[in-house]
């Protein structure tokens, strides 16, 4: 598998996912990803994206300015 943007090689990794929604910033730390070794672009699989959507939705309801969350192994839907 190669990076969509730069065609670099991909490797398993961990990254931080940052979302800006209106006046709220949500940072999800330690998110598993596949990362480009050349440009650093992170790609998430479907399960990870599903969990991120749940986390962001829950945090958007809970905070007004900033939230920093560690990526969990399990998310209750």
Foldseek 3Di string as FASTA:
>chain_A
DADPPPRADKDKDFAWDWDDDPQEIEIEGGQIFIAGPPPGDTHDDPVSVVQVVVVVVVVVVVDDHYYYHYRDPDDDD
